[in-house]
Amino acid sequence: MIYITRKEHFNAAHKLFNPAWDEARNAEIFGKCANKNWHGHNYDLYVTVKGKINPDTGFVVNLKDLSEIIKRDVIELLDHKNLNVDVPNMPLMPSTENVAIFIWNILAPKIQSMGATLHGIKLYETANNYVEYFGEH
């Protein structure tokens, strides 16, 4: 089994808040991330796929094809959007954890149709904070 990773990038805004809590509780838990006027991130997305090498191409998947799928189905959906408002089916709490799972659910079946398996999503929210998701096991 071999693993290969494609990196893409998008920018998006969001707000972390629990509507069952008052402003003080949201501010206590989420700090600046609960800003009523939102805040944004420059996300770096790493998509790792695994599989066997095709003897005819030498590839697990064609990275050009993988990049096109990521751009069409994820980046176009999320880039320069408000994750709380503009993205259909986004969880109410668009934390980096939930966004990574959201991306996984979009890409896993598409990568499967390419003859490979989605191994992991790594989503950097900042240079210091990132999430890794490997699907439900």
Protein backbone atom coordinates (compact mmCIF):
# COMPACT_ATOMS: atom_id res chain seq x y z
CA MET A 1 0.00 0.00 0.00
CA ILE A 2 1.28 3.45 -0.88
CA TYR A 3 0.03 6.86 0.21
CA ILE A 4 0.03 10.10 -1.74
CA THR A 5 -1.10 13.56 -0.63
CA ARG A 6 -2.44 16.57 -2.49
CA LYS A 7 -2.45 20.03 -0.88
CA GLU A 8 -5.06 22.68 -1.70
CA HIS A 9 -5.99 25.98 -0.09
CA PHE A 10 -9.14 27.97 0.63
CA ASN A 11 -10.24 30.99 2.66
CA ALA A 12 -13.44 31.03 4.67
CA ALA A 13 -15.15 32.79 7.54
CA HIS A 14 -17.05 31.26 10.43
CA LYS A 15 -18.24 31.87 13.95
CA LEU A 16 -18.16 29.36 16.77
CA PHE A 17 -21.13 29.68 19.06
CA ASN A 18 -23.72 27.53 20.75
CA PRO A 19 -27.20 29.04 20.28
CA ALA A 20 -28.32 27.46 23.57
CA TRP A 21 -25.82 29.62 25.46
CA ASP A 22 -25.81 33.35 26.11
CA GLU A 23 -23.12 35.67 24.72
CA ALA A 24 -21.06 35.52 27.91
CA ARG A 25 -20.88 31.71 27.90
CA ASN A 26 -20.02 31.65 24.19
CA ALA A 27 -17.28 34.22 24.75
CA GLU A 28 -15.94 32.23 27.70
CA ILE A 29 -15.71 28.99 25.70
CA PHE A 30 -14.93 30.23 22.18
CA GLY A 31 -13.17 33.55 22.86
CA LYS A 32 -12.58 35.65 19.74
CA CYS A 33 -13.99 32.81 17.63
CA ALA A 34 -17.47 33.76 18.90
CA ASN A 35 -17.17 37.26 17.41
CA LYS A 36 -20.67 38.28 16.27
CA ASN A 37 -19.15 39.68 13.05
CA TRP A 38 -17.38 36.39 12.21
CA HIS A 39 -13.69 35.82 11.60
CA GLY A 40 -11.73 34.13 8.84
CA HIS A 41 -8.98 31.63 8.21
CA ASN A 42 -6.61 30.74 5.41
CA TYR A 43 -7.11 26.98 5.44
CA ASP A 44 -4.60 24.49 4.04
CA LEU A 45 -6.16 21.17 3.10
CA TYR A 46 -4.13 17.98 2.70
CA VAL A 47 -5.94 15.03 1.15
CA THR A 48 -4.13 11.69 1.45
CA VAL A 49 -5.21 8.71 -0.61
CA LYS A 50 -3.93 5.16 -0.54
CA GLY A 51 -3.94 2.25 -2.89
CA LYS A 52 -1.91 0.07 -5.17
CA ILE A 53 0.24 1.49 -7.90
CA ASN A 54 -1.21 1.09 -11.38
CA PRO A 55 1.55 -0.64 -13.37
CA ASP A 56 0.55 1.22 -16.55
CA THR A 57 0.84 4.74 -15.05
CA GLY A 58 3.01 4.33 -11.97
CA PHE A 59 0.29 6.23 -10.04
CA VAL A 60 -2.05 5.40 -7.18
CA VAL A 61 -4.23 8.15 -8.65
CA ASN A 62 -3.54 10.84 -11.17
CA LEU A 63 -2.88 13.92 -9.01
CA LYS A 64 -4.25 16.19 -11.74
CA ASP A 65 -7.57 14.34 -11.53
CA LEU A 66 -7.51 14.37 -7.72
CA SER A 67 -6.81 18.11 -7.70
CA GLU A 68 -9.72 18.74 -10.07
CA ILE A 69 -12.11 16.79 -7.83
CA ILE A 70 -10.95 18.63 -4.70
CA LYS A 71 -11.24 22.02 -6.40
CA ARG A 72 -14.63 21.33 -7.99
CA ASP A 73 -16.31 19.61 -5.05
CA VAL A 74 -14.68 21.20 -2.00
CA ILE A 75 -12.80 24.40 -2.79
CA GLU A 76 -15.57 25.86 -4.96
CA LEU A 77 -18.05 25.07 -2.20
CA LEU A 78 -16.03 26.57 0.68
CA ASP A 79 -13.66 29.20 -0.70
CA HIS A 80 -14.52 32.78 0.30
CA LYS A 81 -17.72 31.61 1.97
CA ASN A 82 -19.21 32.05 5.39
CA LEU A 83 -19.28 28.45 6.64
CA ASN A 84 -22.16 29.16 9.03
CA VAL A 85 -24.41 30.68 6.37
CA ASP A 86 -23.33 29.95 2.80
CA VAL A 87 -22.56 26.21 2.76
CA PRO A 88 -25.47 23.77 2.47
CA ASN A 89 -25.37 20.85 4.92
CA MET A 90 -22.49 22.31 6.94
CA PRO A 91 -22.88 21.39 10.62
CA LEU A 92 -24.27 24.14 12.85
CA MET A 93 -20.89 24.29 14.60
CA PRO A 94 -18.35 24.67 11.77
CA SER A 95 -15.31 23.91 13.92
CA THR A 96 -12.21 22.71 12.11
CA GLU A 97 -13.05 19.20 13.31
CA ASN A 98 -16.52 19.34 11.76
CA VAL A 99 -15.25 20.92 8.55
CA ALA A 100 -12.71 18.08 8.13
CA ILE A 101 -15.47 15.49 8.52
CA PHE A 102 -17.66 17.46 6.08
CA ILE A 103 -14.84 17.38 3.50
CA TRP A 104 -14.24 13.66 4.10
CA ASN A 105 -17.88 12.88 3.40
CA ILE A 106 -17.69 14.70 0.08
CA LEU A 107 -14.40 13.21 -1.11
CA ALA A 108 -14.45 9.59 0.11
CA PRO A 109 -16.91 8.25 -2.49
CA LYS A 110 -15.31 10.23 -5.32
CA ILE A 111 -11.84 8.90 -4.50
CA GLN A 112 -13.27 5.38 -4.24
CA SER A 113 -14.58 5.78 -7.79
CA MET A 114 -10.99 6.59 -8.87
CA GLY A 115 -9.89 3.16 -7.65
CA ALA A 116 -8.20 4.39 -4.46
CA THR A 117 -9.20 4.93 -0.83
CA LEU A 118 -9.30 8.18 1.09
CA HIS A 119 -6.84 7.68 3.94
CA GLY A 120 -6.91 11.04 5.70
CA ILE A 121 -7.86 14.68 5.74
CA LYS A 122 -5.50 17.15 7.39
CA LEU A 123 -6.97 20.63 7.69
CA TYR A 124 -4.82 23.51 8.94
CA GLU A 125 -6.86 26.35 10.39
CA THR A 126 -3.75 28.29 11.44
CA ALA A 127 -0.03 27.62 11.40
CA ASN A 128 -0.42 26.27 14.95
CA ASN A 129 -3.76 24.41 14.77
CA TYR A 130 -4.80 21.56 12.56
CA VAL A 131 -7.11 18.56 12.56
CA GLU A 132 -6.55 15.11 11.13
CA TYR A 133 -9.46 12.83 10.30
CA PHE A 134 -9.25 9.23 9.14
CA GLY A 135 -12.95 8.39 8.87
CA GLU A 136 -15.09 6.35 11.19
CA HIS A 137 -13.49 3.06 12.17
